[in-house]
């Protein structure tokens, strides 16, 4: 198995809708449950998220979709700058090819 080298300059993936919601609601959960541990807060948050209606989750999903589109755009710009083009050969395999394959002397 070949380990893929990760580019340290690559943009990070955006947080999911749940983590966007959690970032905003964690202080409220901590205030209302001051003696609960970090893992307990995470469990409470997960339970609250599961019990939310889809309409309430839509707001967070839209924010996630916007961040995801921006992240994708940034990644494409970065690949264009480095002279690489992404080619999806199968749903699971992505190959990079050089845009400039011929050299002039």
N, C-alpha and C. Protein backbone atom coordinates (compact mmCIF):
# COMPACT_ATOMS: atom_id res chain seq x y z
N UNK A 1 0.84 -1.18 0.00
CA UNK A 1 0.00 0.00 0.00
C UNK A 1 0.89 1.24 0.00
N UNK A 2 0.60 2.16 -0.87
CA UNK A 2 1.38 3.39 -0.98
C UNK A 2 0.69 4.48 -0.18
N UNK A 3 1.47 5.12 0.69
CA UNK A 3 0.91 6.21 1.49
C UNK A 3 0.92 7.49 0.67
N UNK A 4 -0.20 8.14 0.59
CA UNK A 4 -0.34 9.37 -0.17
C UNK A 4 0.29 10.51 0.61
N UNK A 5 1.06 11.33 -0.07
CA UNK A 5 1.69 12.48 0.56
C UNK A 5 0.68 13.62 0.57
N UNK A 6 0.46 14.18 1.76
CA UNK A 6 -0.50 15.26 1.88
C UNK A 6 0.21 16.60 1.75
N UNK A 7 -0.34 17.47 0.96
CA UNK A 7 0.22 18.80 0.77
C UNK A 7 -0.11 19.66 1.99
N UNK A 8 0.89 20.17 2.69
CA UNK A 8 0.61 20.98 3.88
C UNK A 8 -0.04 22.33 3.54
N UNK A 9 0.08 22.76 2.29
CA UNK A 9 -0.51 24.03 1.87
C UNK A 9 -1.95 23.88 1.35
N UNK A 10 -2.42 22.65 1.27
CA UNK A 10 -3.77 22.40 0.74
C UNK A 10 -4.82 22.96 1.70
N UNK A 11 -5.91 23.51 1.15
CA UNK A 11 -6.97 24.02 2.02
C UNK A 11 -7.65 22.88 2.79
N UNK A 12 -8.09 23.18 4.00
CA UNK A 12 -8.76 22.17 4.81
C UNK A 12 -10.18 21.96 4.32
N UNK A 13 -10.70 20.76 4.58
CA UNK A 13 -12.09 20.49 4.25
C UNK A 13 -12.98 21.28 5.20
N UNK A 14 -14.14 21.71 4.73
CA UNK A 14 -15.03 22.48 5.61
C UNK A 14 -15.69 21.57 6.64
N UNK A 15 -16.06 22.12 7.80
CA UNK A 15 -16.75 21.31 8.81
C UNK A 15 -18.15 20.91 8.33
N UNK A 16 -18.64 19.81 8.84
CA UNK A 16 -19.98 19.34 8.48
C UNK A 16 -21.02 20.25 9.12
N UNK A 17 -22.26 20.07 8.71
CA UNK A 17 -23.36 20.88 9.25
C UNK A 17 -23.45 20.70 10.77
N UNK A 18 -23.24 19.47 11.24
CA UNK A 18 -23.30 19.22 12.68
C UNK A 18 -22.24 20.01 13.43
N UNK A 19 -21.01 20.02 12.92
CA UNK A 19 -19.94 20.73 13.62
C UNK A 19 -20.13 22.24 13.56
N UNK A 20 -20.71 22.76 12.48
CA UNK A 20 -21.04 24.18 12.44
C UNK A 20 -22.07 24.51 13.52
N UNK A 21 -23.08 23.65 13.64
CA UNK A 21 -24.12 23.83 14.66
C UNK A 21 -23.50 23.72 16.06
N UNK A 22 -22.64 22.73 16.24
CA UNK A 22 -22.03 22.50 17.55
C UNK A 22 -21.16 23.67 17.99
N UNK A 23 -20.44 24.26 17.04
CA UNK A 23 -19.58 25.40 17.36
C UNK A 23 -20.39 26.55 17.96
N UNK A 24 -21.59 26.75 17.45
CA UNK A 24 -22.44 27.83 17.93
C UNK A 24 -23.20 27.45 19.21
N UNK A 25 -23.52 26.18 19.38
CA UNK A 25 -24.37 25.75 20.49
C UNK A 25 -23.63 25.13 21.67
N UNK A 26 -22.35 24.85 21.54
CA UNK A 26 -21.60 24.25 22.63
C UNK A 26 -21.62 25.12 23.90
N UNK A 27 -21.41 26.46 23.80
CA UNK A 27 -21.46 27.27 25.04
C UNK A 27 -22.79 27.16 25.78
N UNK A 28 -23.89 27.12 25.03
CA UNK A 28 -25.21 27.00 25.65
C UNK A 28 -25.34 25.66 26.39
N UNK A 29 -24.85 24.60 25.76
CA UNK A 29 -24.91 23.28 26.38
C UNK A 29 -24.02 23.22 27.63
N UNK A 30 -22.87 23.86 27.57
CA UNK A 30 -21.97 23.85 28.72
C UNK A 30 -22.54 24.66 29.89
N UNK A 31 -23.20 25.78 29.57
CA UNK A 31 -23.81 26.60 30.62
C UNK A 31 -24.96 25.86 31.31
N UNK A 32 -25.77 25.18 30.53
CA UNK A 32 -26.92 24.49 31.11
C UNK A 32 -26.53 23.18 31.80
N UNK A 33 -25.33 22.66 31.52
CA UNK A 33 -24.84 21.42 32.13
C UNK A 33 -23.40 21.61 32.59
N UNK A 34 -23.17 22.42 33.64
CA UNK A 34 -21.79 22.77 34.02
C UNK A 34 -20.96 21.61 34.56
N UNK A 35 -21.57 20.60 35.09
CA UNK A 35 -20.80 19.50 35.69
C UNK A 35 -20.60 18.32 34.74
N UNK A 36 -21.05 18.45 33.51
CA UNK A 36 -20.94 17.36 32.54
C UNK A 36 -19.58 17.46 31.85
N UNK A 37 -18.95 16.32 31.61
CA UNK A 37 -17.63 16.27 30.97
C UNK A 37 -17.74 16.62 29.48
N UNK A 38 -16.59 16.75 28.84
CA UNK A 38 -16.54 17.06 27.41
C UNK A 38 -17.25 15.98 26.60
N UNK A 39 -17.00 14.73 26.94
CA UNK A 39 -17.67 13.64 26.21
C UNK A 39 -19.18 13.65 26.47
N UNK A 40 -19.57 14.03 27.68
CA UNK A 40 -20.99 14.13 28.00
C UNK A 40 -21.67 15.23 27.19
N UNK A 41 -20.96 16.36 27.03
CA UNK A 41 -21.50 17.46 26.21
C UNK A 41 -21.65 16.99 24.77
N UNK A 42 -20.66 16.24 24.28
CA UNK A 42 -20.74 15.73 22.91
C UNK A 42 -21.93 14.80 22.74
N UNK A 43 -22.19 13.97 23.73
CA UNK A 43 -23.33 13.05 23.67
C UNK A 43 -24.65 13.83 23.69
N UNK A 44 -24.72 14.85 24.56
CA UNK A 44 -25.93 15.69 24.61
C UNK A 44 -26.15 16.40 23.28
N UNK A 45 -25.07 16.91 22.71
CA UNK A 45 -25.17 17.61 21.43
C UNK A 45 -25.64 16.67 20.33
N UNK A 46 -25.08 15.47 20.30
CA UNK A 46 -25.49 14.49 19.29
C UNK A 46 -26.95 14.12 19.42
N UNK A 47 -27.40 13.97 20.64
CA UNK A 47 -28.81 13.64 20.88
C UNK A 47 -29.71 14.78 20.44
N UNK A 48 -29.31 16.01 20.77
CA UNK A 48 -30.11 17.18 20.38
C UNK A 48 -30.15 17.32 18.86
N UNK A 49 -29.02 17.07 18.20
CA UNK A 49 -28.95 17.17 16.74
C UNK A 49 -29.86 16.12 16.09
N UNK A 50 -29.83 14.90 16.61
CA UNK A 50 -30.68 13.84 16.05
C UNK A 50 -32.16 14.16 16.21
N UNK A 51 -32.52 14.84 17.30
CA UNK A 51 -33.92 15.15 17.55
C UNK A 51 -34.41 16.40 16.82
N UNK A 52 -33.49 17.14 16.20
CA UNK A 52 -33.89 18.34 15.44
C UNK A 52 -34.65 17.94 14.19
N UNK A 53 -35.56 18.78 13.78
CA UNK A 53 -36.30 18.55 12.54
C UNK A 53 -35.41 18.92 11.36
N UNK A 54 -35.73 18.34 10.20
CA UNK A 54 -34.94 18.60 8.99
C UNK A 54 -34.94 20.08 8.61
N UNK A 55 -36.06 20.76 8.85
CA UNK A 55 -36.14 22.19 8.54
C UNK A 55 -35.10 22.98 9.32
N UNK A 56 -34.89 22.60 10.59
CA UNK A 56 -33.91 23.30 11.42
C UNK A 56 -32.49 22.99 10.95
N UNK A 57 -32.27 21.79 10.47
CA UNK A 57 -30.95 21.38 10.01
C UNK A 57 -30.59 22.02 8.66
N UNK A 58 -31.61 22.41 7.89
CA UNK A 58 -31.38 22.97 6.56
C UNK A 58 -30.46 24.19 6.60
N UNK A 59 -30.66 25.06 7.58
CA UNK A 59 -29.84 26.27 7.72
C UNK A 59 -28.35 25.90 7.81
N UNK A 60 -28.04 24.90 8.60
CA UNK A 60 -26.66 24.49 8.80
C UNK A 60 -26.13 23.76 7.58
N UNK A 61 -26.99 23.02 6.90
CA UNK A 61 -26.57 22.32 5.69
C UNK A 61 -26.24 23.33 4.59
N UNK A 62 -27.02 24.42 4.50
CA UNK A 62 -26.73 25.46 3.50
C UNK A 62 -25.38 26.11 3.78
N UNK A 63 -25.09 26.39 5.05
CA UNK A 63 -23.79 26.96 5.40
C UNK A 63 -22.67 26.01 5.02
N UNK A 64 -22.88 24.72 5.28
CA UNK A 64 -21.87 23.71 4.92
C UNK A 64 -21.67 23.67 3.41
N UNK A 65 -22.76 23.72 2.65
CA UNK A 65 -22.67 23.67 1.19
C UNK A 65 -21.90 24.87 0.64
N UNK A 66 -22.13 26.06 1.23
CA UNK A 66 -21.41 27.26 0.81
C UNK A 66 -19.92 27.11 1.08
N UNK A 67 -19.58 26.64 2.28
CA UNK A 67 -18.17 26.45 2.61
C UNK A 67 -17.52 25.38 1.75
N UNK A 68 -18.29 24.36 1.43
CA UNK A 68 -17.77 23.27 0.60
C UNK A 68 -17.47 23.77 -0.82
N UNK A 69 -18.38 24.60 -1.37
CA UNK A 69 -18.16 25.15 -2.71
C UNK A 69 -16.93 26.06 -2.73
N UNK A 70 -16.78 26.85 -1.67
CA UNK A 70 -15.61 27.73 -1.58
C UNK A 70 -14.32 26.92 -1.46
N UNK A 71 -14.35 25.87 -0.68
CA UNK A 71 -13.19 25.00 -0.51
C UNK A 71 -12.82 24.33 -1.84
N UNK A 72 -13.83 23.89 -2.57
CA UNK A 72 -13.59 23.24 -3.86
C UNK A 72 -12.96 24.23 -4.84
N UNK A 73 -13.45 25.47 -4.82
CA UNK A 73 -12.92 26.51 -5.70
C UNK A 73 -11.46 26.79 -5.36
N UNK A 74 -11.15 26.89 -4.07
CA UNK A 74 -9.78 27.14 -3.62
C UNK A 74 -8.85 26.00 -4.04
N UNK A 75 -9.34 24.77 -3.93
CA UNK A 75 -8.53 23.61 -4.30
C UNK A 75 -8.25 23.61 -5.81
N UNK A 76 -9.25 23.98 -6.60
CA UNK A 76 -9.04 24.04 -8.04
C UNK A 76 -8.04 25.12 -8.40
N UNK A 77 -8.13 26.28 -7.74
CA UNK A 77 -7.17 27.35 -7.98
C UNK A 77 -5.76 26.90 -7.62
N UNK A 78 -5.63 26.21 -6.50
CA UNK A 78 -4.32 25.74 -6.06
C UNK A 78 -3.74 24.74 -7.06
N UNK A 79 -4.58 23.84 -7.56
CA UNK A 79 -4.11 22.85 -8.53
C UNK A 79 -3.73 23.51 -9.84
N UNK A 80 -4.46 24.55 -10.25
CA UNK A 80 -4.12 25.25 -11.48
C UNK A 80 -2.77 25.97 -11.34
N UNK A 81 -2.51 26.51 -10.15
CA UNK A 81 -1.25 27.20 -9.92
C UNK A 81 -0.07 26.23 -9.95
N UNK A 82 -0.27 25.02 -9.46
CA UNK A 82 0.82 24.05 -9.39
C UNK A 82 0.99 23.29 -10.70
N UNK A 83 0.13 23.53 -11.67
CA UNK A 83 0.24 22.85 -12.95
C UNK A 83 -0.30 21.44 -12.95
N UNK A 84 -1.16 21.12 -11.99
CA UNK A 84 -1.75 19.79 -11.93
C UNK A 84 -3.22 19.85 -12.28
N UNK A 85 -3.69 18.80 -12.89
CA UNK A 85 -5.11 18.69 -13.20
C UNK A 85 -5.60 17.38 -12.59
N UNK A 86 -6.76 17.43 -11.96
CA UNK A 86 -7.32 16.24 -11.33
C UNK A 86 -8.18 15.50 -12.34
N UNK A 87 -7.93 14.22 -12.48
CA UNK A 87 -8.74 13.39 -13.36
C UNK A 87 -9.32 12.26 -12.52
N UNK A 88 -10.61 12.12 -12.52
CA UNK A 88 -11.27 11.05 -11.78
C UNK A 88 -11.45 9.88 -12.73
N UNK A 89 -10.66 8.83 -12.53
CA UNK A 89 -10.72 7.68 -13.43
C UNK A 89 -11.83 6.71 -13.04
N UNK A 90 -12.06 6.57 -11.76
CA UNK A 90 -13.17 5.77 -11.24
C UNK A 90 -13.72 6.55 -10.04
N UNK A 91 -14.84 6.16 -9.48
CA UNK A 91 -15.35 6.90 -8.33
C UNK A 91 -14.38 6.96 -7.16
N UNK A 92 -13.49 6.00 -7.03
CA UNK A 92 -12.60 5.96 -5.86
C UNK A 92 -11.17 6.38 -6.17
N UNK A 93 -10.81 6.48 -7.44
CA UNK A 93 -9.41 6.76 -7.78
C UNK A 93 -9.31 8.11 -8.46
N UNK A 94 -8.42 8.93 -7.94
CA UNK A 94 -8.17 10.24 -8.53
C UNK A 94 -6.71 10.27 -8.97
N UNK A 95 -6.46 10.69 -10.18
CA UNK A 95 -5.10 10.77 -10.68
C UNK A 95 -4.78 12.23 -11.01
N UNK A 96 -3.54 12.60 -10.80
CA UNK A 96 -3.08 13.93 -11.14
C UNK A 96 -2.21 13.83 -12.38
N UNK A 97 -2.41 14.72 -13.32
CA UNK A 97 -1.54 14.76 -14.49
C UNK A 97 -0.99 16.17 -14.63
N UNK A 98 0.16 16.27 -15.20
CA UNK A 98 0.77 17.58 -15.44
C UNK A 98 0.10 18.21 -16.65
N UNK A 99 -0.25 19.49 -16.52
CA UNK A 99 -0.84 20.20 -17.65
C UNK A 99 0.23 20.51 -18.70
N UNK A 100 1.43 20.78 -18.25
CA UNK A 100 2.53 21.09 -19.17
C UNK A 100 3.43 19.87 -19.24
N UNK A 101 3.21 19.02 -20.24
CA UNK A 101 4.00 17.79 -20.33
C UNK A 101 5.17 17.93 -21.28
N UNK A 102 5.14 18.92 -22.14
CA UNK A 102 6.22 19.08 -23.12
C UNK A 102 7.08 20.27 -22.72
N UNK A 103 8.36 20.08 -22.83
CA UNK A 103 9.30 21.14 -22.49
C UNK A 103 9.90 21.71 -23.77
N UNK A 104 10.08 22.99 -23.81
CA UNK A 104 10.73 23.62 -24.96
C UNK A 104 12.16 23.94 -24.60
N UNK A 105 13.04 23.81 -25.53
CA UNK A 105 14.44 24.08 -25.21
C UNK A 105 14.94 25.32 -25.91
